[in-house]
Amino acid sequence: MNHLKLIKKAKSGDSEAFEELLMLHGEQLYRTAFLYTGNRQDALDIVQETSYKAFVAIKTLKKNKYFTSWLIKILINSAYEFLNKKKRDIPLENIEQFLPQQDSTFSIEQLDLFQAINNLRATYRDAIILFYFQDLPIKEVANIMNIPENTVKTYLHRGKEQLKVNLKGSEYGERKTISGSL
C-alpha cells in the first residue's frame, strides 16, 4: 500500500495501518535510538516509547508527507527523556549490533567514530546523526530540530570539525578522515 495512504488510514484511527508504518520505519528508528543509547535494550525501549507517543498523537500530524520527520522528532525527544532519566554515560556494550560488518568483527576506527559522535555537543550530534546516518536532507533536519537550515549547516560543519579533533586524539586518528567516514 502507498505510504501516504497508510498515513491517512492511520490518522483516521486504523491501528493496522499505523502498525505497518512502524514496521516500515522500525529499522531506522532502532538504529537512531541505538546511536543515542549505545545498547540494544535501551534502544528498543525508546522505540517502544516512540511508537506509543506517535500512536497517541498521530491525529496531530499536519502534513502527511512529513510523517518520517515527525516520527524521528518524537524518537529524538524520547531518547533525550530516556537519557535524562538514566543520567549515565553511553556504554559501548553490544555495539556490534549497530556497526556495519563484513564478518563478525568491527574496526577500531568504527568504535572511535561511535565514541567521538557520542562525545559531541548534543546539537552537533543530532545534526550529524540525522544528516549522515539517516540520510535526511538539510531541510528535514532543520524541521526535526526546529532550527533554520543555515544553523543545521553550521552544526554539521562544527560537528565535523569537532569529530576531526576527537579522532586525532585517538591512537588510530591519523588513518581516518571525517569525510571518508561520514
N, C-alpha and C. Protein backbone atom coordinates (compact mmCIF):
# COMPACT_ATOMS: atom_id res chain seq x y z
N MET A 1 0.84 -1.18 0.00
CA MET A 1 0.00 0.00 0.00
C MET A 1 0.88 1.24 0.00
N ASN A 2 0.44 2.28 -0.65
CA ASN A 2 1.13 3.55 -0.74
C ASN A 2 1.37 4.11 0.66
N HIS A 3 2.56 4.65 0.88
CA HIS A 3 2.97 5.22 2.18
C HIS A 3 1.99 6.30 2.64
N LEU A 4 1.62 7.22 1.75
CA LEU A 4 0.72 8.30 2.13
C LEU A 4 -0.68 7.79 2.45
N LYS A 5 -1.11 6.74 1.76
CA LYS A 5 -2.42 6.14 2.07
C LYS A 5 -2.40 5.50 3.45
N LEU A 6 -1.30 4.85 3.78
CA LEU A 6 -1.16 4.26 5.11
C LEU A 6 -1.24 5.33 6.20
N ILE A 7 -0.58 6.44 5.95
CA ILE A 7 -0.59 7.54 6.92
C ILE A 7 -2.01 8.07 7.09
N LYS A 8 -2.70 8.25 5.99
CA LYS A 8 -4.08 8.74 6.04
C LYS A 8 -4.97 7.79 6.84
N LYS A 9 -4.82 6.49 6.58
CA LYS A 9 -5.61 5.48 7.30
C LYS A 9 -5.25 5.49 8.79
N ALA A 10 -3.98 5.61 9.09
CA ALA A 10 -3.54 5.63 10.49
C ALA A 10 -4.11 6.85 11.21
N LYS A 11 -4.13 7.98 10.54
CA LYS A 11 -4.68 9.20 11.14
C LYS A 11 -6.18 9.08 11.40
N SER A 12 -6.84 8.25 10.60
CA SER A 12 -8.28 8.07 10.79
C SER A 12 -8.58 6.99 11.85
N GLY A 13 -7.54 6.45 12.48
CA GLY A 13 -7.74 5.50 13.57
C GLY A 13 -7.46 4.05 13.24
N ASP A 14 -6.97 3.77 12.04
CA ASP A 14 -6.68 2.39 11.63
C ASP A 14 -5.35 1.94 12.28
N SER A 15 -5.46 1.13 13.33
CA SER A 15 -4.25 0.72 14.06
C SER A 15 -3.38 -0.23 13.24
N GLU A 16 -3.98 -1.00 12.33
CA GLU A 16 -3.18 -1.89 11.48
C GLU A 16 -2.31 -1.07 10.51
N ALA A 17 -2.86 0.00 9.98
CA ALA A 17 -2.09 0.87 9.09
C ALA A 17 -0.94 1.51 9.86
N PHE A 18 -1.21 1.93 11.10
CA PHE A 18 -0.16 2.52 11.91
C PHE A 18 0.94 1.49 12.20
N GLU A 19 0.53 0.28 12.51
CA GLU A 19 1.49 -0.79 12.78
C GLU A 19 2.36 -1.06 11.55
N GLU A 20 1.75 -1.03 10.38
CA GLU A 20 2.51 -1.24 9.14
C GLU A 20 3.52 -0.11 8.93
N LEU A 21 3.12 1.11 9.25
CA LEU A 21 4.04 2.24 9.14
C LEU A 21 5.23 2.05 10.08
N LEU A 22 4.95 1.59 11.29
CA LEU A 22 6.04 1.36 12.24
C LEU A 22 6.97 0.27 11.75
N MET A 23 6.42 -0.74 11.12
CA MET A 23 7.26 -1.82 10.59
C MET A 23 8.15 -1.29 9.45
N LEU A 24 7.61 -0.39 8.65
CA LEU A 24 8.39 0.20 7.56
C LEU A 24 9.56 1.04 8.09
N HIS A 25 9.34 1.69 9.22
CA HIS A 25 10.34 2.60 9.77
C HIS A 25 11.09 2.02 10.97
N GLY A 26 10.78 0.81 11.34
CA GLY A 26 11.33 0.21 12.55
C GLY A 26 12.85 0.16 12.60
N GLU A 27 13.46 -0.28 11.52
CA GLU A 27 14.92 -0.39 11.49
C GLU A 27 15.58 0.99 11.63
N GLN A 28 15.04 1.98 10.94
CA GLN A 28 15.55 3.34 11.01
C GLN A 28 15.41 3.89 12.43
N LEU A 29 14.27 3.64 13.06
CA LEU A 29 14.05 4.10 14.43
C LEU A 29 15.03 3.43 15.39
N TYR A 30 15.18 2.13 15.24
CA TYR A 30 16.09 1.39 16.13
C TYR A 30 17.53 1.89 16.00
N ARG A 31 18.00 2.02 14.78
CA ARG A 31 19.39 2.47 14.58
C ARG A 31 19.62 3.86 15.15
N THR A 32 18.64 4.74 14.98
CA THR A 32 18.78 6.09 15.54
C THR A 32 18.78 6.03 17.06
N ALA A 33 17.87 5.27 17.65
CA ALA A 33 17.83 5.13 19.11
C ALA A 33 19.13 4.54 19.62
N PHE A 34 19.68 3.57 18.89
CA PHE A 34 20.92 2.93 19.30
C PHE A 34 22.07 3.94 19.33
N LEU A 35 22.08 4.86 18.39
CA LEU A 35 23.14 5.88 18.37
C LEU A 35 23.10 6.73 19.64
N TYR A 36 21.92 6.92 20.18
CA TYR A 36 21.78 7.72 21.40
C TYR A 36 22.08 6.92 22.67
N THR A 37 21.75 5.64 22.69
CA THR A 37 21.87 4.87 23.92
C THR A 37 23.09 3.98 23.98
N GLY A 38 23.48 3.41 22.87
CA GLY A 38 24.63 2.53 22.85
C GLY A 38 24.34 1.09 23.24
N ASN A 39 23.09 0.75 23.55
CA ASN A 39 22.80 -0.65 23.80
C ASN A 39 21.41 -1.02 23.31
N ARG A 40 21.26 -2.29 23.04
CA ARG A 40 20.06 -2.82 22.38
C ARG A 40 18.79 -2.61 23.19
N GLN A 41 18.82 -2.97 24.46
CA GLN A 41 17.61 -2.91 25.27
C GLN A 41 17.09 -1.48 25.43
N ASP A 42 18.00 -0.55 25.70
CA ASP A 42 17.58 0.84 25.83
C ASP A 42 17.03 1.38 24.52
N ALA A 43 17.67 1.01 23.41
CA ALA A 43 17.18 1.44 22.10
C ALA A 43 15.78 0.91 21.84
N LEU A 44 15.55 -0.36 22.18
CA LEU A 44 14.22 -0.94 21.99
C LEU A 44 13.19 -0.26 22.89
N ASP A 45 13.58 0.09 24.10
CA ASP A 45 12.67 0.81 25.00
C ASP A 45 12.28 2.17 24.40
N ILE A 46 13.25 2.85 23.82
CA ILE A 46 12.98 4.16 23.22
C ILE A 46 12.07 4.01 22.01
N VAL A 47 12.32 2.99 21.19
CA VAL A 47 11.45 2.75 20.02
C VAL A 47 10.02 2.46 20.49
N GLN A 48 9.89 1.68 21.54
CA GLN A 48 8.57 1.36 22.06
C GLN A 48 7.86 2.62 22.57
N GLU A 49 8.58 3.44 23.30
CA GLU A 49 8.01 4.69 23.81
C GLU A 49 7.63 5.62 22.65
N THR A 50 8.48 5.67 21.64
CA THR A 50 8.20 6.48 20.45
C THR A 50 6.94 5.99 19.75
N SER A 51 6.82 4.69 19.62
CA SER A 51 5.64 4.10 18.97
C SER A 51 4.37 4.47 19.70
N TYR A 52 4.40 4.39 21.01
CA TYR A 52 3.23 4.74 21.81
C TYR A 52 2.87 6.21 21.64
N LYS A 53 3.88 7.09 21.79
CA LYS A 53 3.63 8.53 21.68
C LYS A 53 3.10 8.89 20.28
N ALA A 54 3.68 8.27 19.26
CA ALA A 54 3.25 8.55 17.88
C ALA A 54 1.81 8.07 17.67
N PHE A 55 1.48 6.90 18.19
CA PHE A 55 0.13 6.37 18.04
C PHE A 55 -0.89 7.31 18.70
N VAL A 56 -0.57 7.79 19.88
CA VAL A 56 -1.47 8.69 20.60
C VAL A 56 -1.60 10.03 19.87
N ALA A 57 -0.52 10.49 19.23
CA ALA A 57 -0.51 11.82 18.64
C ALA A 57 -0.68 11.85 17.12
N ILE A 58 -0.93 10.71 16.48
CA ILE A 58 -0.96 10.65 15.01
C ILE A 58 -1.94 11.66 14.40
N LYS A 59 -3.02 11.91 15.08
CA LYS A 59 -4.03 12.84 14.54
C LYS A 59 -3.53 14.29 14.52
N THR A 60 -2.46 14.58 15.26
CA THR A 60 -1.92 15.94 15.28
C THR A 60 -0.95 16.20 14.12
N LEU A 61 -0.60 15.16 13.38
CA LEU A 61 0.30 15.32 12.23
C LEU A 61 -0.40 16.19 11.20
N LYS A 62 0.21 17.33 10.89
CA LYS A 62 -0.44 18.28 9.98
C LYS A 62 -0.26 17.91 8.51
N LYS A 63 0.96 17.61 8.12
CA LYS A 63 1.24 17.29 6.73
C LYS A 63 1.75 15.86 6.63
N ASN A 64 1.00 15.03 5.93
CA ASN A 64 1.33 13.61 5.84
C ASN A 64 2.71 13.35 5.26
N LYS A 65 3.17 14.21 4.36
CA LYS A 65 4.47 13.98 3.72
C LYS A 65 5.63 14.12 4.71
N TYR A 66 5.36 14.70 5.88
CA TYR A 66 6.40 14.86 6.89
C TYR A 66 6.31 13.81 8.00
N PHE A 67 5.61 12.72 7.73
CA PHE A 67 5.44 11.67 8.75
C PHE A 67 6.78 11.17 9.27
N THR A 68 7.72 10.86 8.40
CA THR A 68 9.00 10.31 8.82
C THR A 68 9.75 11.31 9.71
N SER A 69 9.78 12.57 9.31
CA SER A 69 10.44 13.60 10.11
C SER A 69 9.76 13.73 11.47
N TRP A 70 8.44 13.72 11.46
CA TRP A 70 7.65 13.83 12.69
C TRP A 70 7.98 12.66 13.62
N LEU A 71 8.05 11.46 13.08
CA LEU A 71 8.33 10.27 13.86
C LEU A 71 9.74 10.30 14.44
N ILE A 72 10.71 10.73 13.66
CA ILE A 72 12.09 10.81 14.13
C ILE A 72 12.22 11.87 15.22
N LYS A 73 11.48 12.95 15.06
CA LYS A 73 11.49 14.01 16.07
C LYS A 73 10.97 13.46 17.41
N ILE A 74 9.91 12.69 17.36
CA ILE A 74 9.38 12.06 18.57
C ILE A 74 10.44 11.12 19.17
N LEU A 75 11.11 10.38 18.32
CA LEU A 75 12.15 9.45 18.79
C LEU A 75 13.28 10.20 19.47
N ILE A 76 13.75 11.27 18.88
CA ILE A 76 14.85 12.03 19.48
C ILE A 76 14.44 12.59 20.84
N ASN A 77 13.23 13.14 20.90
CA ASN A 77 12.74 13.65 22.19
C ASN A 77 12.63 12.53 23.22
N SER A 78 12.16 11.38 22.78
CA SER A 78 12.06 10.22 23.69
C SER A 78 13.45 9.77 24.15
N ALA A 79 14.42 9.80 23.24
CA ALA A 79 15.79 9.42 23.59
C ALA A 79 16.36 10.36 24.64
N TYR A 80 16.15 11.65 24.47
CA TYR A 80 16.66 12.60 25.47
C TYR A 80 15.96 12.44 26.80
N GLU A 81 14.66 12.22 26.79
CA GLU A 81 13.94 11.97 28.04
C GLU A 81 14.51 10.73 28.73
N PHE A 82 14.72 9.68 27.96
CA PHE A 82 15.26 8.43 28.50
C PHE A 82 16.64 8.66 29.10
N LEU A 83 17.50 9.33 28.36
CA LEU A 83 18.87 9.56 28.84
C LEU A 83 18.89 10.46 30.07
N ASN A 84 18.01 11.44 30.10
CA ASN A 84 17.94 12.31 31.28
C ASN A 84 17.50 11.52 32.51
N LYS A 85 16.62 10.56 32.32
CA LYS A 85 16.18 9.73 33.44
C LYS A 85 17.32 8.84 33.93
N LYS A 86 18.09 8.32 33.02
CA LYS A 86 19.17 7.38 33.39
C LYS A 86 20.41 8.10 33.92
N LYS A 87 20.69 9.31 33.39
CA LYS A 87 21.85 10.10 33.81
C LYS A 87 23.12 9.25 33.89
N ARG A 88 23.49 8.68 32.77
CA ARG A 88 24.67 7.84 32.75
C ARG A 88 25.39 8.01 31.42
N ASP A 89 26.62 7.52 31.35
CA ASP A 89 27.37 7.53 30.10
C ASP A 89 26.80 6.48 29.16
N ILE A 90 27.00 6.70 27.88
CA ILE A 90 26.55 5.74 26.88
C ILE A 90 27.55 4.59 26.83
N PRO A 91 27.11 3.36 27.13
CA PRO A 91 28.03 2.23 27.11
C PRO A 91 28.31 1.75 25.69
N LEU A 92 29.41 1.08 25.54
CA LEU A 92 29.75 0.52 24.23
C LEU A 92 29.42 -0.96 24.14
N GLU A 93 28.66 -1.49 25.11
CA GLU A 93 28.28 -2.90 25.05
C GLU A 93 27.34 -3.13 23.88
N ASN A 94 27.45 -4.24 23.25
CA ASN A 94 26.59 -4.64 22.14
C ASN A 94 26.68 -3.72 20.93
N ILE A 95 27.74 -2.95 20.82
CA ILE A 95 27.87 -2.02 19.71
C ILE A 95 27.90 -2.73 18.36
N GLU A 96 28.36 -3.99 18.36
CA GLU A 96 28.45 -4.72 17.10
C GLU A 96 27.08 -4.88 16.43
N GLN A 97 25.99 -4.75 17.17
CA GLN A 97 24.65 -4.85 16.57
C GLN A 97 24.37 -3.65 15.68
N PHE A 98 25.02 -2.53 15.95
CA PHE A 98 24.76 -1.33 15.16
C PHE A 98 25.74 -1.15 14.00
N LEU A 99 26.99 -1.42 14.25
CA LEU A 99 28.01 -1.13 13.26
C LEU A 99 27.93 -2.07 12.06
N PRO A 100 28.14 -1.53 10.85
CA PRO A 100 28.13 -2.40 9.67
C PRO A 100 29.33 -3.34 9.71
N GLN A 101 29.10 -4.58 9.29
CA GLN A 101 30.16 -5.57 9.38
C GLN A 101 30.22 -6.41 8.11
N GLN A 102 31.44 -6.74 7.71
CA GLN A 102 31.60 -7.72 6.64
C GLN A 102 31.64 -9.11 7.25
N ASP A 103 32.38 -9.24 8.33
CA ASP A 103 32.41 -10.51 9.04
C ASP A 103 32.03 -10.21 10.48
N SER A 104 32.42 -11.02 11.41
CA SER A 104 31.95 -10.86 12.79
C SER A 104 32.78 -9.87 13.61
N THR A 105 33.70 -9.15 12.99
CA THR A 105 34.50 -8.18 13.72
C THR A 105 34.18 -6.77 13.24
N PHE A 106 34.53 -5.80 14.07
CA PHE A 106 34.41 -4.42 13.65
C PHE A 106 35.70 -3.71 14.00
N SER A 107 35.94 -2.62 13.33
CA SER A 107 37.25 -1.99 13.43
C SER A 107 37.34 -1.00 14.59
N ILE A 108 38.56 -0.77 14.98
CA ILE A 108 38.84 0.24 16.00
C ILE A 108 38.36 1.60 15.49
N GLU A 109 38.51 1.85 14.20
CA GLU A 109 38.07 3.12 13.63
C GLU A 109 36.58 3.33 13.82
N GLN A 110 35.78 2.27 13.64
CA GLN A 110 34.33 2.39 13.83
C GLN A 110 34.00 2.67 15.29
N LEU A 111 34.69 2.01 16.20
CA LEU A 111 34.49 2.27 17.63
C LEU A 111 34.88 3.71 17.97
N ASP A 112 36.01 4.16 17.42
CA ASP A 112 36.46 5.53 17.65
C ASP A 112 35.44 6.53 17.14
N LEU A 113 34.89 6.28 15.95
CA LEU A 113 33.91 7.18 15.38
C LEU A 113 32.65 7.22 16.24
N PHE A 114 32.17 6.05 16.66
CA PHE A 114 30.98 5.99 17.51
C PHE A 114 31.20 6.76 18.80
N GLN A 115 32.34 6.54 19.44
CA GLN A 115 32.64 7.25 20.69
C GLN A 115 32.77 8.75 20.44
N ALA A 116 33.42 9.13 19.35
CA ALA A 116 33.60 10.56 19.04
C ALA A 116 32.25 11.23 18.79
N ILE A 117 31.33 10.55 18.11
CA ILE A 117 29.99 11.11 17.88
C ILE A 117 29.27 11.30 19.21
N ASN A 118 29.40 10.34 20.11
CA ASN A 118 28.72 10.44 21.39
C ASN A 118 29.34 11.50 22.30
N ASN A 119 30.55 11.93 22.01
CA ASN A 119 31.19 12.98 22.79
C ASN A 119 30.90 14.38 22.26
N LEU A 120 30.18 14.47 21.15
CA LEU A 120 29.84 15.77 20.59
C LEU A 120 28.79 16.48 21.43
N ARG A 121 28.74 17.78 21.30
CA ARG A 121 27.64 18.56 21.86
C ARG A 121 26.34 18.02 21.26
N ALA A 122 25.27 17.99 22.02
CA ALA A 122 24.00 17.37 21.60
C ALA A 122 23.50 17.90 20.26
N THR A 123 23.58 19.19 20.04
CA THR A 123 23.06 19.75 18.78
C THR A 123 23.88 19.28 17.59
N TYR A 124 25.20 19.21 17.75
CA TYR A 124 26.06 18.72 16.67
C TYR A 124 25.78 17.24 16.41
N ARG A 125 25.65 16.46 17.50
CA ARG A 125 25.38 15.03 17.37
C ARG A 125 24.06 14.80 16.64
N ASP A 126 23.02 15.54 17.01
CA ASP A 126 21.72 15.38 16.34
C ASP A 126 21.85 15.65 14.84
N ALA A 127 22.49 16.75 14.50
CA ALA A 127 22.65 17.10 13.09
C ALA A 127 23.44 16.03 12.33
N ILE A 128 24.54 15.58 12.92
CA ILE A 128 25.38 14.54 12.28
C ILE A 128 24.58 13.26 12.08
N ILE A 129 23.89 12.80 13.12
CA ILE A 129 23.13 11.55 13.03
C ILE A 129 22.03 11.65 11.98
N LEU A 130 21.28 12.74 12.01
CA LEU A 130 20.15 12.88 11.07
C LEU A 130 20.63 13.02 9.63
N PHE A 131 21.67 13.79 9.42
CA PHE A 131 22.14 14.04 8.06
C PHE A 131 22.94 12.87 7.49
N TYR A 132 23.92 12.39 8.25
CA TYR A 132 24.82 11.36 7.72
C TYR A 132 24.32 9.93 7.92
N PHE A 133 23.68 9.66 9.04
CA PHE A 133 23.25 8.28 9.31
C PHE A 133 21.82 8.01 8.85
N GLN A 134 20.98 9.04 8.88
CA GLN A 134 19.60 8.87 8.41
C GLN A 134 19.42 9.35 6.97
N ASP A 135 20.45 9.96 6.40
CA ASP A 135 20.42 10.47 5.02
C ASP A 135 19.26 11.43 4.78
N LEU A 136 18.94 12.23 5.77
CA LEU A 136 17.88 13.22 5.60
C LEU A 136 18.45 14.49 4.99
N PRO A 137 17.67 15.14 4.13
CA PRO A 137 18.14 16.41 3.59
C PRO A 137 18.18 17.49 4.68
N ILE A 138 18.97 18.50 4.45
CA ILE A 138 19.15 19.57 5.44
C ILE A 138 17.80 20.19 5.81
N LYS A 139 16.91 20.33 4.87
CA LYS A 139 15.59 20.92 5.15
C LYS A 139 14.84 20.08 6.20
N GLU A 140 14.88 18.76 6.08
CA GLU A 140 14.21 17.89 7.05
C GLU A 140 14.91 17.90 8.40
N VAL A 141 16.23 17.95 8.38
CA VAL A 141 16.98 18.04 9.63
C VAL A 141 16.58 19.32 10.37
N ALA A 142 16.50 20.41 9.63
CA ALA A 142 16.09 21.69 10.22
C ALA A 142 14.68 21.59 10.81
N ASN A 143 13.80 20.93 10.09
CA ASN A 143 12.42 20.76 10.56
C ASN A 143 12.39 19.94 11.85
N ILE A 144 13.12 18.85 11.89
CA ILE A 144 13.15 17.98 13.07
C ILE A 144 13.74 18.71 14.27
N MET A 145 14.80 19.46 14.03
CA MET A 145 15.49 20.14 15.13
C MET A 145 14.88 21.50 15.46
N ASN A 146 13.92 21.95 14.68
CA ASN A 146 13.28 23.26 14.88
C ASN A 146 14.28 24.41 14.83
N ILE A 147 15.15 24.37 13.84
CA ILE A 147 16.14 25.41 13.66
C ILE A 147 16.23 25.76 12.17
N PRO A 148 16.78 26.92 11.83
CA PRO A 148 16.95 27.28 10.42
C PRO A 148 17.94 26.36 9.71
N GLU A 149 17.79 26.24 8.39
CA GLU A 149 18.67 25.39 7.59
C GLU A 149 20.14 25.80 7.72
N ASN A 150 20.40 27.10 7.75
CA ASN A 150 21.79 27.56 7.88
C ASN A 150 22.39 27.15 9.22
N THR A 151 21.58 27.07 10.25
CA THR A 151 22.07 26.61 11.55
C THR A 151 22.45 25.14 11.47
N VAL A 152 21.66 24.35 10.74
CA VAL A 152 22.00 22.94 10.54
C VAL A 152 23.35 22.84 9.85
N LYS A 153 23.55 23.64 8.81
CA LYS A 153 24.83 23.62 8.09
C LYS A 153 25.99 23.97 9.03
N THR A 154 25.75 24.96 9.90
CA THR A 154 26.77 25.35 10.87
C THR A 154 27.06 24.20 11.83
N TYR A 155 26.00 23.56 12.34
CA TYR A 155 26.18 22.44 13.26
C TYR A 155 26.92 21.29 12.59
N LEU A 156 26.60 21.02 11.33
CA LEU A 156 27.29 19.95 10.61
C LEU A 156 28.78 20.29 10.46
N HIS A 157 29.05 21.52 10.08
CA HIS A 157 30.45 21.94 9.90
C HIS A 157 31.21 21.86 11.23
N ARG A 158 30.62 22.45 12.28
CA ARG A 158 31.29 22.45 13.58
C ARG A 158 31.40 21.03 14.14
N GLY A 159 30.36 20.23 13.92
CA GLY A 159 30.38 18.84 14.38
C GLY A 159 31.50 18.05 13.72
N LYS A 160 31.65 18.24 12.40
CA LYS A 160 32.72 17.54 11.68
C LYS A 160 34.09 18.01 12.15
N GLU A 161 34.21 19.30 12.40
CA GLU A 161 35.49 19.83 12.90
C GLU A 161 35.80 19.24 14.27
N GLN A 162 34.78 19.16 15.13
CA GLN A 162 35.00 18.58 16.46
C GLN A 162 35.32 17.09 16.36
N LEU A 163 34.67 16.40 15.42
CA LEU A 163 34.99 14.98 15.21
C LEU A 163 36.44 14.80 14.78
N LYS A 164 36.92 15.68 13.92
CA LYS A 164 38.32 15.60 13.49
C LYS A 164 39.25 15.72 14.68
N VAL A 165 38.95 16.67 15.56
CA VAL A 165 39.77 16.86 16.76
C VAL A 165 39.69 15.63 17.65
N ASN A 166 38.47 15.14 17.88
CA ASN A 166 38.28 13.97 18.74
C ASN A 166 38.99 12.75 18.18
N LEU A 167 38.91 12.56 16.88
CA LEU A 167 39.50 11.38 16.27
C LEU A 167 41.02 11.47 16.18
N LYS A 168 41.55 12.67 16.04
CA LYS A 168 43.01 12.81 16.02
C LYS A 168 43.61 12.43 17.35
N GLY A 169 42.83 12.58 18.42
CA GLY A 169 43.30 12.22 19.75
C GLY A 169 43.38 10.72 19.95
N SER A 170 42.72 9.97 19.08
CA SER A 170 42.76 8.51 19.23
C SER A 170 44.04 7.96 18.61
N GLU A 171 44.41 6.80 19.02
CA GLU A 171 45.64 6.16 18.54
C GLU A 171 45.61 5.97 17.03
N TYR A 172 44.40 5.76 16.47
CA TYR A 172 44.27 5.46 15.06
C TYR A 172 43.83 6.66 14.25
N GLY A 173 43.80 7.84 14.86
CA GLY A 173 43.26 9.04 14.24
C GLY A 173 43.92 9.44 12.94
N GLU A 174 45.21 9.18 12.79
CA GLU A 174 45.90 9.60 11.58
C GLU A 174 45.38 8.91 10.33
N ARG A 175 44.83 7.72 10.45
CA ARG A 175 44.40 6.97 9.29
C ARG A 175 42.97 7.31 8.86
N LYS A 176 42.28 8.14 9.62
CA LYS A 176 40.87 8.41 9.35
C LYS A 176 40.69 9.79 8.74
N THR A 177 39.67 9.93 7.95
CA THR A 177 39.21 11.24 7.54
C THR A 177 37.72 11.29 7.77
N ILE A 178 37.23 12.40 8.23
CA ILE A 178 35.80 12.53 8.53
C ILE A 178 34.98 12.38 7.29
N SER A 179 35.37 13.04 6.22
CA SER A 179 34.56 12.95 5.01
C SER A 179 34.49 11.53 4.48
N GLY A 180 35.54 10.76 4.70
CA GLY A 180 35.51 9.37 4.26
C GLY A 180 34.66 8.49 5.18
N SER A 181 34.60 8.85 6.45
CA SER A 181 33.85 8.06 7.42
C SER A 181 32.37 8.38 7.40
N LEU A 182 32.04 9.62 7.10
CA LEU A 182 30.64 10.04 7.16
C LEU A 182 30.03 10.16 5.80
